[in-house]
N, C-alpha and C. Protein backbone atom coordinates (compact mmCIF):
# COMPACT_ATOMS: atom_id res chain seq x y z
N MET A 1 0.84 -1.12 0.01
CA MET A 1 -0.02 -0.05 0.00
C MET A 1 0.88 1.25 -0.01
N THR A 2 0.53 2.19 -0.82
CA THR A 2 1.27 3.45 -0.87
C THR A 2 0.68 4.56 -0.07
N GLU A 3 1.47 5.26 0.65
CA GLU A 3 0.98 6.41 1.43
C GLU A 3 1.24 7.70 0.68
N ASN A 4 0.20 8.48 0.54
CA ASN A 4 0.36 9.78 -0.13
C ASN A 4 0.30 10.86 1.01
N SER A 5 1.28 11.66 1.02
CA SER A 5 1.27 12.73 2.02
C SER A 5 1.79 14.01 1.36
N GLU A 6 1.34 15.11 1.97
CA GLU A 6 1.74 16.36 1.50
C GLU A 6 2.51 17.14 2.65
N VAL A 7 3.61 17.70 2.33
CA VAL A 7 4.36 18.46 3.30
C VAL A 7 4.02 19.94 3.13
N LEU A 8 3.48 20.51 4.16
CA LEU A 8 3.17 21.94 4.16
C LEU A 8 4.25 22.73 4.86
N LYS A 9 4.75 23.77 4.26
CA LYS A 9 5.80 24.59 4.91
C LYS A 9 5.27 25.99 5.01
N GLN A 10 5.77 26.68 5.99
CA GLN A 10 5.48 28.11 6.16
C GLN A 10 6.31 28.86 5.18
N PRO A 11 5.73 29.90 4.50
CA PRO A 11 6.47 30.66 3.54
C PRO A 11 7.54 31.44 4.27
N SER A 12 8.63 31.60 3.61
CA SER A 12 9.73 32.41 4.19
C SER A 12 9.35 33.90 4.06
N ASP A 13 10.13 34.73 4.71
CA ASP A 13 9.83 36.18 4.67
C ASP A 13 9.98 36.68 3.23
N ALA A 14 10.99 36.18 2.50
CA ALA A 14 11.20 36.61 1.13
C ALA A 14 10.04 36.21 0.29
N GLU A 15 9.55 35.02 0.47
CA GLU A 15 8.37 34.57 -0.34
C GLU A 15 7.13 35.36 -0.04
N ALA A 16 6.91 35.64 1.23
CA ALA A 16 5.77 36.44 1.63
C ALA A 16 5.88 37.92 1.10
N ASP A 17 7.02 38.47 1.12
CA ASP A 17 7.29 39.76 0.54
C ASP A 17 7.03 39.82 -0.96
N ALA A 18 7.49 38.77 -1.66
CA ALA A 18 7.31 38.65 -3.15
C ALA A 18 5.80 38.50 -3.42
N GLU A 19 5.07 37.77 -2.62
CA GLU A 19 3.66 37.64 -2.88
C GLU A 19 2.93 38.97 -2.64
N ASP A 20 3.30 39.71 -1.61
CA ASP A 20 2.73 41.08 -1.37
C ASP A 20 3.00 41.94 -2.51
N ASP A 21 4.27 41.95 -3.06
CA ASP A 21 4.56 42.80 -4.15
C ASP A 21 3.72 42.47 -5.45
N THR A 22 3.42 41.22 -5.64
CA THR A 22 2.62 40.86 -6.79
C THR A 22 1.18 41.33 -6.71
N ARG A 23 0.69 41.48 -5.53
CA ARG A 23 -0.71 41.92 -5.33
C ARG A 23 -0.80 43.38 -4.98
N ASN A 24 0.28 44.09 -4.74
CA ASN A 24 0.26 45.47 -4.35
C ASN A 24 -0.43 46.38 -5.35
N HIS A 25 -0.23 46.11 -6.57
CA HIS A 25 -0.90 46.98 -7.64
C HIS A 25 -2.41 46.93 -7.67
N LEU A 26 -2.99 45.98 -6.95
CA LEU A 26 -4.40 45.83 -6.86
C LEU A 26 -4.96 46.19 -5.52
N SER A 27 -4.15 46.80 -4.68
CA SER A 27 -4.60 47.15 -3.33
C SER A 27 -5.73 48.17 -3.30
N ASP A 28 -5.87 49.01 -4.35
CA ASP A 28 -6.89 50.01 -4.43
C ASP A 28 -8.23 49.50 -4.98
N VAL A 29 -8.22 48.28 -5.55
CA VAL A 29 -9.43 47.68 -6.13
C VAL A 29 -10.30 47.12 -4.98
N GLU A 30 -11.57 47.44 -5.08
CA GLU A 30 -12.57 46.93 -4.06
C GLU A 30 -12.67 45.41 -4.11
N ALA A 31 -12.91 44.80 -3.02
CA ALA A 31 -13.11 43.34 -2.96
C ALA A 31 -14.39 43.06 -3.76
N GLY A 32 -14.33 42.06 -4.55
CA GLY A 32 -15.54 41.67 -5.35
C GLY A 32 -15.56 42.37 -6.74
N ALA A 33 -14.62 43.18 -7.01
CA ALA A 33 -14.58 43.89 -8.30
C ALA A 33 -14.44 42.88 -9.46
N GLY A 34 -15.08 43.25 -10.58
CA GLY A 34 -15.02 42.28 -11.67
C GLY A 34 -13.93 42.71 -12.62
N CYS A 35 -13.80 42.00 -13.70
CA CYS A 35 -12.73 42.20 -14.69
C CYS A 35 -12.72 43.65 -15.23
N THR A 36 -13.93 44.21 -15.48
CA THR A 36 -13.93 45.57 -16.04
C THR A 36 -13.34 46.56 -15.10
N GLU A 37 -13.72 46.46 -13.83
CA GLU A 37 -13.18 47.40 -12.85
C GLU A 37 -11.69 47.20 -12.63
N ILE A 38 -11.25 46.01 -12.65
CA ILE A 38 -9.79 45.74 -12.52
C ILE A 38 -9.02 46.32 -13.73
N TRP A 39 -9.51 46.15 -14.94
CA TRP A 39 -8.88 46.66 -16.15
C TRP A 39 -8.86 48.19 -16.10
N GLU A 40 -9.96 48.75 -15.66
CA GLU A 40 -10.06 50.30 -15.60
C GLU A 40 -9.02 50.78 -14.59
N HIS A 41 -8.94 50.14 -13.47
CA HIS A 41 -7.96 50.51 -12.45
C HIS A 41 -6.54 50.43 -12.96
N LEU A 42 -6.22 49.35 -13.64
CA LEU A 42 -4.83 49.14 -14.13
C LEU A 42 -4.58 50.15 -15.21
N SER A 43 -5.61 50.46 -16.07
CA SER A 43 -5.39 51.40 -17.15
C SER A 43 -5.15 52.83 -16.56
N GLU A 44 -5.96 53.19 -15.53
CA GLU A 44 -5.77 54.51 -14.91
C GLU A 44 -4.39 54.62 -14.27
N SER A 45 -3.95 53.54 -13.61
CA SER A 45 -2.65 53.56 -13.01
C SER A 45 -1.55 53.73 -14.02
N ARG A 46 -1.68 53.01 -15.11
CA ARG A 46 -0.68 53.05 -16.19
C ARG A 46 -0.66 54.50 -16.79
N ASP A 47 -1.89 55.05 -17.03
CA ASP A 47 -1.94 56.39 -17.60
C ASP A 47 -1.33 57.44 -16.69
N GLY A 48 -1.58 57.29 -15.44
CA GLY A 48 -0.99 58.22 -14.45
C GLY A 48 0.50 58.13 -14.30
N ALA A 49 1.05 56.94 -14.54
CA ALA A 49 2.44 56.73 -14.44
C ALA A 49 3.20 57.33 -15.68
N THR A 50 2.53 57.32 -16.83
CA THR A 50 3.17 57.87 -18.01
C THR A 50 3.18 59.37 -18.00
N GLN A 51 2.25 60.01 -17.28
CA GLN A 51 2.19 61.45 -17.18
C GLN A 51 3.17 62.00 -16.26
N ASP A 52 3.72 61.26 -15.36
CA ASP A 52 4.73 61.77 -14.37
C ASP A 52 6.02 62.09 -14.95
């Protein structure tokens, strides 16, 4: 008989920071926002960055 097991590990600080960085650009988007709202937010952010 074969035993299947999964090892769960706690994310390192570097991994947790990297995950935060990947989601940071969506921090202003409301929870439950749909694709359209997300695209609008990203477009506005991009437009604002090019004007600086």
